[in-house]
């Protein structure tokens, strides 16, 4: 009986250590910003023509060159409604995680037309 408990305890420790190690091994930068952009429905109001993302709205704002004007940290504040552009806050709240928001704003900040 003691051997069974020792064996189960050993298995439990192995599983816990594997889960712990796996959680640290995940690469946070592997988030696909374009996929998050579309999943969060940013493409309902915005398009990124340089990356083939189009909006169904005719008056959609094309963000293909947004990185030339704004940096990622400002875009993060704007999307969180902590900053304004032309005295207007972003219309919708981002419902993704902080990591997803960071990936999207980093990607948007890098968009510059050549």
PDB file of N, CA and C in Angstrom:
ATOM      1  N   UNK A   1       0.830  -1.195   0.000  1.00  0.00           N
ATOM      2  CA  UNK A   1       0.000   0.000   0.000  1.00  0.00           C
ATOM      3  C   UNK A   1       0.874   1.259   0.000  1.00  0.00           C
ATOM      4  N   UNK A   2       1.966   1.205   0.782  1.00  0.00           N
ATOM      5  CA  UNK A   2       2.871   2.337   0.838  1.00  0.00           C
ATOM      6  C   UNK A   2       3.512   2.580  -0.522  1.00  0.00           C
ATOM      7  N   UNK A   3       3.801   1.512  -1.264  1.00  0.00           N
ATOM      8  CA  UNK A   3       4.403   1.643  -2.590  1.00  0.00           C
ATOM      9  C   UNK A   3       3.454   2.312  -3.566  1.00  0.00           C
ATOM     10  N   UNK A   4       2.172   2.031  -3.449  1.00  0.00           N
ATOM     11  CA  UNK A   4       1.180   2.643  -4.340  1.00  0.00           C
ATOM     12  C   UNK A   4       1.127   4.153  -4.119  1.00  0.00           C
ATOM     13  N   UNK A   5       1.101   4.566  -2.837  1.00  0.00           N
ATOM     14  CA  UNK A   5       1.073   5.998  -2.534  1.00  0.00           C
ATOM     15  C   UNK A   5       2.360   6.684  -2.990  1.00  0.00           C
ATOM     16  N   UNK A   6       3.481   6.030  -2.803  1.00  0.00           N
ATOM     17  CA  UNK A   6       4.764   6.581  -3.259  1.00  0.00           C
ATOM     18  C   UNK A   6       4.761   6.727  -4.772  1.00  0.00           C
ATOM     19  N   UNK A   7       4.265   5.730  -5.463  1.00  0.00           N
ATOM     20  CA  UNK A   7       4.204   5.761  -6.921  1.00  0.00           C
ATOM     21  C   UNK A   7       3.278   6.882  -7.404  1.00  0.00           C
ATOM     22  N   UNK A   8       2.100   6.990  -6.810  1.00  0.00           N
ATOM     23  CA  UNK A   8       1.159   8.046  -7.202  1.00  0.00           C
ATOM     24  C   UNK A   8       1.717   9.438  -6.893  1.00  0.00           C
ATOM     25  N   UNK A   9       2.385   9.565  -5.744  1.00  0.00           N
ATOM     26  CA  UNK A   9       2.996  10.841  -5.390  1.00  0.00           C
ATOM     27  C   UNK A   9       4.078  11.206  -6.391  1.00  0.00           C
ATOM     28  N   UNK A  10       4.898  10.233  -6.782  1.00  0.00           N
ATOM     29  CA  UNK A  10       5.944  10.447  -7.762  1.00  0.00           C
ATOM     30  C   UNK A  10       5.355  10.900  -9.103  1.00  0.00           C
ATOM     31  N   UNK A  11       4.304  10.248  -9.561  1.00  0.00           N
ATOM     32  CA  UNK A  11       3.638  10.617 -10.815  1.00  0.00           C
ATOM     33  C   UNK A  11       3.064  12.031 -10.715  1.00  0.00           C
ATOM     34  N   UNK A  12       2.446  12.350  -9.599  1.00  0.00           N
ATOM     35  CA  UNK A  12       1.881  13.685  -9.388  1.00  0.00           C
ATOM     36  C   UNK A  12       2.964  14.759  -9.453  1.00  0.00           C
ATOM     37  N   UNK A  13       4.109  14.502  -8.838  1.00  0.00           N
ATOM     38  CA  UNK A  13       5.217  15.457  -8.870  1.00  0.00           C
ATOM     39  C   UNK A  13       5.722  15.641 -10.299  1.00  0.00           C
ATOM     40  N   UNK A  14       5.857  14.555 -11.049  1.00  0.00           N
ATOM     41  CA  UNK A  14       6.328  14.635 -12.438  1.00  0.00           C
ATOM     42  C   UNK A  14       5.369  15.471 -13.281  1.00  0.00           C
ATOM     43  N   UNK A  15       4.089  15.221 -13.141  1.00  0.00           N
ATOM     44  CA  UNK A  15       3.080  15.966 -13.915  1.00  0.00           C
ATOM     45  C   UNK A  15       3.112  17.446 -13.534  1.00  0.00           C
ATOM     46  N   UNK A  16       3.224  17.740 -12.242  1.00  0.00           N
ATOM     47  CA  UNK A  16       3.255  19.131 -11.789  1.00  0.00           C
ATOM     48  C   UNK A  16       4.499  19.845 -12.311  1.00  0.00           C
ATOM     49  N   UNK A  17       5.640  19.201 -12.267  1.00  0.00           N
ATOM     50  CA  UNK A  17       6.868  19.807 -12.764  1.00  0.00           C
ATOM     51  C   UNK A  17       6.819  20.023 -14.271  1.00  0.00           C
ATOM     52  N   UNK A  18       6.248  19.084 -14.984  1.00  0.00           N
ATOM     53  CA  UNK A  18       6.109  19.226 -16.434  1.00  0.00           C
ATOM     54  C   UNK A  18       5.217  20.427 -16.761  1.00  0.00           C
ATOM     55  N   UNK A  19       4.102  20.539 -16.072  1.00  0.00           N
ATOM     56  CA  UNK A  19       3.196  21.666 -16.295  1.00  0.00           C
ATOM     57  C   UNK A  19       3.851  22.996 -15.956  1.00  0.00           C
ATOM     58  N   UNK A  20       4.608  23.014 -14.869  1.00  0.00           N
ATOM     59  CA  UNK A  20       5.310  24.224 -14.456  1.00  0.00           C
ATOM     60  C   UNK A  20       6.346  24.615 -15.499  1.00  0.00           C
ATOM     61  N   UNK A  21       7.140  23.668 -15.957  1.00  0.00           N
ATOM     62  CA  UNK A  21       8.163  23.943 -16.960  1.00  0.00           C
ATOM     63  C   UNK A  21       7.532  24.358 -18.284  1.00  0.00           C
ATOM     64  N   UNK A  22       6.435  23.747 -18.658  1.00  0.00           N
ATOM     65  CA  UNK A  22       5.761  24.062 -19.916  1.00  0.00           C
ATOM     66  C   UNK A  22       5.217  25.489 -19.893  1.00  0.00           C
ATOM     67  N   UNK A  23       4.713  25.922 -18.758  1.00  0.00           N
ATOM     68  CA  UNK A  23       4.147  27.270 -18.679  1.00  0.00           C
ATOM     69  C   UNK A  23       5.227  28.331 -18.872  1.00  0.00           C
ATOM     70  N   UNK A  24       6.450  28.068 -18.430  1.00  0.00           N
ATOM     71  CA  UNK A  24       7.538  29.024 -18.631  1.00  0.00           C
ATOM     72  C   UNK A  24       8.142  28.916 -20.020  1.00  0.00           C
ATOM     73  N   UNK A  25       7.995  27.777 -20.650  1.00  0.00           N
ATOM     74  CA  UNK A  25       8.608  27.566 -21.960  1.00  0.00           C
ATOM     75  C   UNK A  25       7.807  28.216 -23.083  1.00  0.00           C
ATOM     76  N   UNK A  26       6.575  28.603 -22.831  1.00  0.00           N
ATOM     77  CA  UNK A  26       5.747  29.223 -23.860  1.00  0.00           C
ATOM     78  C   UNK A  26       6.357  30.558 -24.267  1.00  0.00           C
ATOM     79  N   UNK A  27       6.486  30.775 -25.544  1.00  0.00           N
ATOM     80  CA  UNK A  27       7.034  32.009 -26.073  1.00  0.00           C
ATOM     81  C   UNK A  27       5.893  32.998 -26.277  1.00  0.00           C
ATOM     82  N   UNK A  28       5.895  34.071 -25.490  1.00  0.00           N
ATOM     83  CA  UNK A  28       4.818  35.055 -25.555  1.00  0.00           C
ATOM     84  C   UNK A  28       4.835  35.828 -26.873  1.00  0.00           C
ATOM     85  N   UNK A  29       5.979  35.886 -27.536  1.00  0.00           N
ATOM     86  CA  UNK A  29       6.063  36.639 -28.771  1.00  0.00           C
ATOM     87  C   UNK A  29       5.527  35.848 -29.967  1.00  0.00           C
ATOM     88  N   UNK A  30       5.070  34.643 -29.730  1.00  0.00           N
ATOM     89  CA  UNK A  30       4.576  33.826 -30.832  1.00  0.00           C
ATOM     90  C   UNK A  30       3.115  34.126 -31.178  1.00  0.00           C
ATOM     91  N   UNK A  31       2.568  35.147 -30.575  1.00  0.00           N
ATOM     92  CA  UNK A  31       1.187  35.522 -30.862  1.00  0.00           C
ATOM     93  C   UNK A  31       1.136  36.140 -32.259  1.00  0.00           C
ATOM     94  N   UNK A  32       0.237  35.648 -33.091  1.00  0.00           N
ATOM     95  CA  UNK A  32       0.077  36.161 -34.446  1.00  0.00           C
ATOM     96  C   UNK A  32      -0.811  37.407 -34.387  1.00  0.00           C
ATOM     97  N   UNK A  33      -0.189  38.558 -34.504  1.00  0.00           N
ATOM     98  CA  UNK A  33      -0.892  39.831 -34.366  1.00  0.00           C
ATOM     99  C   UNK A  33      -1.982  40.010 -35.415  1.00  0.00           C
ATOM    100  N   UNK A  34      -1.715  39.569 -36.638  1.00  0.00           N
ATOM    101  CA  UNK A  34      -2.723  39.713 -37.704  1.00  0.00           C
ATOM    102  C   UNK A  34      -3.953  38.874 -37.387  1.00  0.00           C
ATOM    103  N   UNK A  35      -3.723  37.682 -36.866  1.00  0.00           N
ATOM    104  CA  UNK A  35      -4.846  36.807 -36.509  1.00  0.00           C
ATOM    105  C   UNK A  35      -5.656  37.411 -35.364  1.00  0.00           C
ATOM    106  N   UNK A  36      -4.956  37.975 -34.373  1.00  0.00           N
ATOM    107  CA  UNK A  36      -5.648  38.636 -33.254  1.00  0.00           C
ATOM    108  C   UNK A  36      -6.438  39.829 -33.775  1.00  0.00           C
ATOM    109  N   UNK A  37      -5.856  40.591 -34.682  1.00  0.00           N
ATOM    110  CA  UNK A  37      -6.519  41.754 -35.289  1.00  0.00           C
ATOM    111  C   UNK A  37      -7.857  41.338 -35.891  1.00  0.00           C
ATOM    112  N   UNK A  38      -7.856  40.215 -36.601  1.00  0.00           N
ATOM    113  CA  UNK A  38      -9.087  39.741 -37.237  1.00  0.00           C
ATOM    114  C   UNK A  38     -10.021  39.068 -36.228  1.00  0.00           C
ATOM    115  N   UNK A  39      -9.471  38.327 -35.282  1.00  0.00           N
ATOM    116  CA  UNK A  39     -10.288  37.648 -34.269  1.00  0.00           C
ATOM    117  C   UNK A  39     -11.028  38.655 -33.395  1.00  0.00           C
ATOM    118  N   UNK A  40     -10.350  39.740 -33.058  1.00  0.00           N
ATOM    119  CA  UNK A  40     -10.967  40.777 -32.222  1.00  0.00           C
ATOM    120  C   UNK A  40     -11.850  41.721 -33.039  1.00  0.00           C
ATOM    121  N   UNK A  41     -12.000  41.414 -34.325  1.00  0.00           N
ATOM    122  CA  UNK A  41     -12.871  42.151 -35.236  1.00  0.00           C
ATOM    123  C   UNK A  41     -12.444  43.605 -35.443  1.00  0.00           C
ATOM    124  N   UNK A  42     -11.147  43.841 -35.367  1.00  0.00           N
ATOM    125  CA  UNK A  42     -10.623  45.180 -35.669  1.00  0.00           C
ATOM    126  C   UNK A  42     -10.851  45.507 -37.138  1.00  0.00           C
ATOM    127  N   UNK A  43     -10.923  44.453 -37.957  1.00  0.00           N
ATOM    128  CA  UNK A  43     -11.114  44.660 -39.396  1.00  0.00           C
ATOM    129  C   UNK A  43     -12.555  45.047 -39.748  1.00  0.00           C
ATOM    130  N   UNK A  44     -13.404  45.183 -38.772  1.00  0.00           N
ATOM    131  CA  UNK A  44     -14.749  45.699 -39.038  1.00  0.00           C
ATOM    132  C   UNK A  44     -14.681  47.201 -39.343  1.00  0.00           C
ATOM    133  N   UNK A  45     -13.747  47.888 -38.707  1.00  0.00           N
ATOM    134  CA  UNK A  45     -13.613  49.326 -38.911  1.00  0.00           C
ATOM    135  C   UNK A  45     -12.303  49.720 -39.581  1.00  0.00           C
ATOM    136  N   UNK A  46     -11.326  48.815 -39.583  1.00  0.00           N
ATOM    137  CA  UNK A  46     -10.008  49.136 -40.106  1.00  0.00           C
ATOM    138  C   UNK A  46      -9.574  48.109 -41.141  1.00  0.00           C
ATOM    139  N   UNK A  47      -8.758  48.572 -42.059  1.00  0.00           N
ATOM    140  CA  UNK A  47      -8.132  47.659 -43.020  1.00  0.00           C
ATOM    141  C   UNK A  47      -6.625  47.877 -42.953  1.00  0.00           C
ATOM    142  N   UNK A  48      -5.897  46.882 -43.411  1.00  0.00           N
ATOM    143  CA  UNK A  48      -4.444  46.977 -43.532  1.00  0.00           C
ATOM    144  C   UNK A  48      -4.132  46.430 -44.923  1.00  0.00           C
ATOM    145  N   UNK A  49      -4.222  47.302 -45.911  1.00  0.00           N
ATOM    146  CA  UNK A  49      -4.116  46.871 -47.301  1.00  0.00           C
ATOM    147  C   UNK A  49      -2.749  46.264 -47.623  1.00  0.00           C
ATOM    148  N   UNK A  50      -1.708  46.699 -46.930  1.00  0.00           N
ATOM    149  CA  UNK A  50      -0.375  46.150 -47.198  1.00  0.00           C
ATOM    150  C   UNK A  50      -0.267  44.689 -46.781  1.00  0.00           C
ATOM    151  N   UNK A  51      -1.124  44.234 -45.885  1.00  0.00           N
ATOM    152  CA  UNK A  51      -1.122  42.839 -45.444  1.00  0.00           C
ATOM    153  C   UNK A  51      -2.361  42.079 -45.905  1.00  0.00           C
ATOM    154  N   UNK A  52      -3.114  42.669 -46.811  1.00  0.00           N
ATOM    155  CA  UNK A  52      -4.262  41.981 -47.383  1.00  0.00           C
ATOM    156  C   UNK A  52      -5.481  41.897 -46.478  1.00  0.00           C
ATOM    157  N   UNK A  53      -5.543  42.731 -45.456  1.00  0.00           N
ATOM    158  CA  UNK A  53      -6.701  42.751 -44.561  1.00  0.00           C
ATOM    159  C   UNK A  53      -7.611  43.883 -45.026  1.00  0.00           C
ATOM    160  N   UNK A  54      -8.826  43.521 -45.380  1.00  0.00           N
ATOM    161  CA  UNK A  54      -9.778  44.528 -45.854  1.00  0.00           C
ATOM    162  C   UNK A  54     -11.008  44.552 -44.969  1.00  0.00           C
ATOM    163  N   UNK A  55     -11.615  45.689 -44.924  1.00  0.00           N
ATOM    164  CA  UNK A  55     -12.838  45.873 -44.162  1.00  0.00           C
ATOM    165  C   UNK A  55     -14.020  45.930 -45.120  1.00  0.00           C
ATOM    166  N   UNK A  56     -15.174  45.553 -44.647  1.00  0.00           N
ATOM    167  CA  UNK A  56     -16.378  45.631 -45.469  1.00  0.00           C
ATOM    168  C   UNK A  56     -16.937  47.047 -45.512  1.00  0.00           C
ATOM    169  N   UNK A  57     -16.498  47.884 -44.567  1.00  0.00           N
ATOM    170  CA  UNK A  57     -16.950  49.276 -44.556  1.00  0.00           C
ATOM    171  C   UNK A  57     -16.245  50.050 -45.657  1.00  0.00           C
ATOM    172  N   UNK A  58     -16.983  50.870 -46.337  1.00  0.00           N
ATOM    173  CA  UNK A  58     -16.400  51.669 -47.410  1.00  0.00           C
ATOM    174  C   UNK A  58     -15.519  52.787 -46.871  1.00  0.00           C
ATOM    175  N   UNK A  59     -15.840  53.284 -45.687  1.00  0.00           N
ATOM    176  CA  UNK A  59     -15.056  54.376 -45.105  1.00  0.00           C
ATOM    177  C   UNK A  59     -14.069  53.875 -44.043  1.00  0.00           C
ATOM    178  N   UNK A  60     -13.629  52.626 -44.165  1.00  0.00           N
ATOM    179  CA  UNK A  60     -12.699  52.038 -43.205  1.00  0.00           C
ATOM    180  C   UNK A  60     -11.367  52.775 -43.224  1.00  0.00           C
ATOM    181  N   UNK A  61     -10.775  52.917 -42.065  1.00  0.00           N
ATOM    182  CA  UNK A  61      -9.490  53.575 -41.942  1.00  0.00           C
ATOM    183  C   UNK A  61      -8.395  52.549 -42.233  1.00  0.00           C
ATOM    184  N   UNK A  62      -7.547  52.855 -43.210  1.00  0.00           N
ATOM    185  CA  UNK A  62      -6.448  51.958 -43.561  1.00  0.00           C
ATOM    186  C   UNK A  62      -5.266  52.247 -42.641  1.00  0.00           C
ATOM    187  N   UNK A  63      -4.843  51.230 -41.915  1.00  0.00           N
ATOM    188  CA  UNK A  63      -3.755  51.384 -40.957  1.00  0.00           C
ATOM    189  C   UNK A  63      -2.401  50.963 -41.524  1.00  0.00           C
ATOM    190  N   UNK A  64      -2.288  50.874 -42.833  1.00  0.00           N
ATOM    191  CA  UNK A  64      -1.052  50.416 -43.470  1.00  0.00           C
ATOM    192  C   UNK A  64       0.156  51.303 -43.181  1.00  0.00           C
ATOM    193  N   UNK A  65      -0.067  52.524 -42.787  1.00  0.00           N
ATOM    194  CA  UNK A  65       1.015  53.464 -42.554  1.00  0.00           C
ATOM    195  C   UNK A  65       0.970  54.053 -41.143  1.00  0.00           C
ATOM    196  N   UNK A  66       0.226  53.445 -40.256  1.00  0.00           N
ATOM    197  CA  UNK A  66       0.026  54.005 -38.919  1.00  0.00           C
ATOM    198  C   UNK A  66       1.328  54.081 -38.128  1.00  0.00           C
ATOM    199  N   UNK A  67       2.265  53.188 -38.390  1.00  0.00           N
ATOM    200  CA  UNK A  67       3.544  53.193 -37.686  1.00  0.00           C
ATOM    201  C   UNK A  67       4.404  54.404 -37.991  1.00  0.00           C
ATOM    202  N   UNK A  68       4.143  55.069 -39.101  1.00  0.00           N
ATOM    203  CA  UNK A  68       4.881  56.290 -39.436  1.00  0.00           C
ATOM    204  C   UNK A  68       4.465  57.456 -38.555  1.00  0.00           C
ATOM    205  N   UNK A  69       3.257  57.398 -38.041  1.00  0.00           N
ATOM    206  CA  UNK A  69       2.717  58.494 -37.242  1.00  0.00           C
ATOM    207  C   UNK A  69       2.736  58.205 -35.748  1.00  0.00           C
ATOM    208  N   UNK A  70       2.410  56.962 -35.361  1.00  0.00           N
ATOM    209  CA  UNK A  70       2.281  56.616 -33.947  1.00  0.00           C
ATOM    210  C   UNK A  70       3.150  55.417 -33.592  1.00  0.00           C
ATOM    211  N   UNK A  71       3.664  55.419 -32.380  1.00  0.00           N
ATOM    212  CA  UNK A  71       4.466  54.308 -31.872  1.00  0.00           C
ATOM    213  C   UNK A  71       3.558  53.326 -31.120  1.00  0.00           C
ATOM    214  N   UNK A  72       4.055  52.125 -30.903  1.00  0.00           N
ATOM    215  CA  UNK A  72       3.265  51.058 -30.279  1.00  0.00           C
ATOM    216  C   UNK A  72       2.761  51.448 -28.896  1.00  0.00           C
ATOM    217  N   UNK A  73       3.578  52.131 -28.093  1.00  0.00           N
ATOM    218  CA  UNK A  73       3.128  52.488 -26.741  1.00  0.00           C
ATOM    219  C   UNK A  73       1.965  53.472 -26.773  1.00  0.00           C
ATOM    220  N   UNK A  74       1.980  54.414 -27.722  1.00  0.00           N
ATOM    221  CA  UNK A  74       0.842  55.326 -27.850  1.00  0.00           C
ATOM    222  C   UNK A  74      -0.396  54.581 -28.329  1.00  0.00           C
ATOM    223  N   UNK A  75      -0.228  53.674 -29.283  1.00  0.00           N
ATOM    224  CA  UNK A  75      -1.370  52.908 -29.789  1.00  0.00           C
ATOM    225  C   UNK A  75      -2.007  52.072 -28.683  1.00  0.00           C
ATOM    226  N   UNK A  76      -1.183  51.531 -27.796  1.00  0.00           N
ATOM    227  CA  UNK A  76      -1.706  50.777 -26.653  1.00  0.00           C
ATOM    228  C   UNK A  76      -2.578  51.679 -25.789  1.00  0.00           C
ATOM    229  N   UNK A  77      -2.082  52.872 -25.480  1.00  0.00           N
ATOM    230  CA  UNK A  77      -2.857  53.814 -24.669  1.00  0.00           C
ATOM    231  C   UNK A  77      -4.141  54.226 -25.387  1.00  0.00           C
ATOM    232  N   UNK A  78      -4.054  54.447 -26.686  1.00  0.00           N
ATOM    233  CA  UNK A  78      -5.228  54.858 -27.456  1.00  0.00           C
ATOM    234  C   UNK A  78      -6.302  53.768 -27.461  1.00  0.00           C
ATOM    235  N   UNK A  79      -5.890  52.542 -27.688  1.00  0.00           N
ATOM    236  CA  UNK A  79      -6.865  51.446 -27.726  1.00  0.00           C
ATOM    237  C   UNK A  79      -7.468  51.199 -26.345  1.00  0.00           C
ATOM    238  N   UNK A  80      -6.701  51.482 -25.288  1.00  0.00           N
ATOM    239  CA  UNK A  80      -7.219  51.346 -23.919  1.00  0.00           C
ATOM    240  C   UNK A  80      -8.021  52.575 -23.490  1.00  0.00           C
ATOM    241  N   UNK A  81      -8.158  53.546 -24.378  1.00  0.00           N
ATOM    242  CA  UNK A  81      -8.887  54.789 -24.135  1.00  0.00           C
ATOM    243  C   UNK A  81      -8.212  55.672 -23.089  1.00  0.00           C
ATOM    244  N   UNK A  82      -6.885  55.572 -23.018  1.00  0.00           N
ATOM    245  CA  UNK A  82      -6.109  56.416 -22.116  1.00  0.00           C
ATOM    246  C   UNK A  82      -5.524  57.608 -22.852  1.00  0.00           C
ATOM    247  N   UNK A  83      -5.640  57.609 -24.168  1.00  0.00           N
ATOM    248  CA  UNK A  83      -5.150  58.718 -24.994  1.00  0.00           C
ATOM    249  C   UNK A  83      -6.160  58.965 -26.113  1.00  0.00           C
ATOM    250  N   UNK A  84      -6.060  60.140 -26.716  1.00  0.00           N
ATOM    251  CA  UNK A  84      -6.993  60.496 -27.785  1.00  0.00           C
ATOM    252  C   UNK A  84      -6.235  60.904 -29.039  1.00  0.00           C
ATOM    253  N   UNK A  85      -6.897  60.724 -30.165  1.00  0.00           N
ATOM    254  CA  UNK A  85      -6.397  61.214 -31.445  1.00  0.00           C
ATOM    255  C   UNK A  85      -7.435  62.190 -31.961  1.00  0.00           C
ATOM    256  N   UNK A  86      -7.007  63.416 -32.208  1.00  0.00           N
ATOM    257  CA  UNK A  86      -7.918  64.482 -32.653  1.00  0.00           C
ATOM    258  C   UNK A  86      -9.109  64.611 -31.703  1.00  0.00           C
ATOM    259  N   UNK A  87      -8.826  64.626 -30.416  1.00  0.00           N
ATOM    260  CA  UNK A  87      -9.826  64.762 -29.343  1.00  0.00           C
ATOM    261  C   UNK A  87     -10.882  63.664 -29.343  1.00  0.00           C
ATOM    262  N   UNK A  88     -10.567  62.514 -29.896  1.00  0.00           N
ATOM    263  CA  UNK A  88     -11.514  61.392 -29.898  1.00  0.00           C
ATOM    264  C   UNK A  88     -10.816  60.138 -29.376  1.00  0.00           C
ATOM    265  N   UNK A  89     -11.509  59.437 -28.492  1.00  0.00           N
ATOM    266  CA  UNK A  89     -10.995  58.171 -27.971  1.00  0.00           C
ATOM    267  C   UNK A  89     -11.370  57.050 -28.936  1.00  0.00           C
ATOM    268  N   UNK A  90     -10.696  55.927 -28.803  1.00  0.00           N
ATOM    269  CA  UNK A  90     -11.013  54.762 -29.634  1.00  0.00           C
ATOM    270  C   UNK A  90     -12.446  54.341 -29.329  1.00  0.00           C
ATOM    271  N   UNK A  91     -13.193  53.942 -30.329  1.00  0.00           N
ATOM    272  CA  UNK A  91     -14.619  53.662 -30.157  1.00  0.00           C
ATOM    273  C   UNK A  91     -14.912  52.408 -29.347  1.00  0.00           C
ATOM    274  N   UNK A  92     -14.088  51.381 -29.505  1.00  0.00           N
ATOM    275  CA  UNK A  92     -14.392  50.107 -28.852  1.00  0.00           C
ATOM    276  C   UNK A  92     -13.270  49.687 -27.921  1.00  0.00           C
ATOM    277  N   UNK A  93     -13.615  48.943 -26.895  1.00  0.00           N
ATOM    278  CA  UNK A  93     -12.648  48.421 -25.954  1.00  0.00           C
ATOM    279  C   UNK A  93     -12.081  47.110 -26.483  1.00  0.00           C
ATOM    280  N   UNK A  94     -10.772  46.960 -26.386  1.00  0.00           N
ATOM    281  CA  UNK A  94     -10.109  45.723 -26.803  1.00  0.00           C
ATOM    282  C   UNK A  94     -10.417  44.652 -25.776  1.00  0.00           C
ATOM    283  N   UNK A  95     -10.928  43.519 -26.227  1.00  0.00           N
ATOM    284  CA  UNK A  95     -11.363  42.472 -25.310  1.00  0.00           C
ATOM    285  C   UNK A  95     -10.369  41.315 -25.190  1.00  0.00           C
ATOM    286  N   UNK A  96      -9.228  41.415 -25.847  1.00  0.00           N
ATOM    287  CA  UNK A  96      -8.215  40.370 -25.771  1.00  0.00           C
ATOM    288  C   UNK A  96      -7.352  40.528 -24.532  1.00  0.00           C
ATOM    289  N   UNK A  97      -6.320  39.717 -24.447  1.00  0.00           N
ATOM    290  CA  UNK A  97      -5.391  39.761 -23.318  1.00  0.00           C
ATOM    291  C   UNK A  97      -4.381  40.890 -23.513  1.00  0.00           C
ATOM    292  N   UNK A  98      -3.644  41.188 -22.461  1.00  0.00           N
ATOM    293  CA  UNK A  98      -2.597  42.207 -22.540  1.00  0.00           C
ATOM    294  C   UNK A  98      -1.523  41.795 -23.538  1.00  0.00           C
ATOM    295  N   UNK A  99      -1.199  40.499 -23.573  1.00  0.00           N
ATOM    296  CA  UNK A  99      -0.191  39.999 -24.509  1.00  0.00           C
ATOM    297  C   UNK A  99      -0.654  40.166 -25.955  1.00  0.00           C
ATOM    298  N   UNK A 100      -1.938  39.904 -26.199  1.00  0.00           N
ATOM    299  CA  UNK A 100      -2.484  40.075 -27.546  1.00  0.00           C
ATOM    300  C   UNK A 100      -2.475  41.557 -27.946  1.00  0.00           C
ATOM    301  N   UNK A 101      -2.848  42.414 -27.013  1.00  0.00           N
ATOM    302  CA  UNK A 101      -2.843  43.851 -27.289  1.00  0.00           C
ATOM    303  C   UNK A 101      -1.425  44.326 -27.582  1.00  0.00           C
ATOM    304  N   UNK A 102      -0.462  43.848 -26.817  1.00  0.00           N
ATOM    305  CA  UNK A 102       0.931  44.226 -27.043  1.00  0.00           C
ATOM    306  C   UNK A 102       1.404  43.756 -28.416  1.00  0.00           C
ATOM    307  N   UNK A 103       1.016  42.555 -28.797  1.00  0.00           N
ATOM    308  CA  UNK A 103       1.416  42.030 -30.110  1.00  0.00           C
ATOM    309  C   UNK A 103       0.801  42.847 -31.237  1.00  0.00           C
ATOM    310  N   UNK A 104      -0.482  43.178 -31.103  1.00  0.00           N
ATOM    311  CA  UNK A 104      -1.172  43.955 -32.145  1.00  0.00           C
ATOM    312  C   UNK A 104      -0.574  45.351 -32.259  1.00  0.00           C
ATOM    313  N   UNK A 105      -0.363  46.023 -31.138  1.00  0.00           N
ATOM    314  CA  UNK A 105       0.170  47.387 -31.210  1.00  0.00           C
ATOM    315  C   UNK A 105       1.621  47.406 -31.680  1.00  0.00           C
ATOM    316  N   UNK A 106       2.387  46.387 -31.335  1.00  0.00           N
ATOM    317  CA  UNK A 106       3.764  46.295 -31.845  1.00  0.00           C
ATOM    318  C   UNK A 106       3.744  46.128 -33.365  1.00  0.00           C
ATOM    319  N   UNK A 107       2.846  45.272 -33.830  1.00  0.00           N
ATOM    320  CA  UNK A 107       2.701  45.055 -35.276  1.00  0.00           C
ATOM    321  C   UNK A 107       2.247  46.336 -35.969  1.00  0.00           C
ATOM    322  N   UNK A 108       1.207  46.996 -35.416  1.00  0.00           N
ATOM    323  CA  UNK A 108       0.705  48.227 -36.021  1.00  0.00           C
ATOM    324  C   UNK A 108       1.777  49.312 -36.010  1.00  0.00           C
ATOM    325  N   UNK A 109       2.546  49.380 -34.934  1.00  0.00           N
ATOM    326  CA  UNK A 109       3.624  50.374 -34.852  1.00  0.00           C
ATOM    327  C   UNK A 109       4.715  50.137 -35.875  1.00  0.00           C
ATOM    328  N   UNK A 110       4.814  48.913 -36.370  1.00  0.00           N
ATOM    329  CA  UNK A 110       5.844  48.610 -37.365  1.00  0.00           C
ATOM    330  C   UNK A 110       5.375  48.858 -38.794  1.00  0.00           C
ATOM    331  N   UNK A 111       4.097  49.158 -38.974  1.00  0.00           N
ATOM    332  CA  UNK A 111       3.542  49.338 -40.326  1.00  0.00           C
ATOM    333  C   UNK A 111       3.914  50.721 -40.875  1.00  0.00           C
ATOM    334  N   UNK A 112       4.723  50.693 -41.899  1.00  0.00           N
ATOM    335  CA  UNK A 112       5.125  51.935 -42.563  1.00  0.00           C
ATOM    336  C   UNK A 112       5.209  51.646 -44.049  1.00  0.00           C
ATOM    337  N   UNK A 113       4.503  52.438 -44.843  1.00  0.00           N
ATOM    338  CA  UNK A 113       4.571  52.272 -46.283  1.00  0.00           C
ATOM    339  C   UNK A 113       5.935  52.686 -46.791  1.00  0.00           C
ATOM    340  N   UNK A 114       6.403  51.964 -47.785  1.00  0.00           N
ATOM    341  CA  UNK A 114       7.725  52.262 -48.352  1.00  0.00           C
ATOM    342  C   UNK A 114       7.601  53.193 -49.527  1.00  0.00           C
TER     343      UNK A 114
END
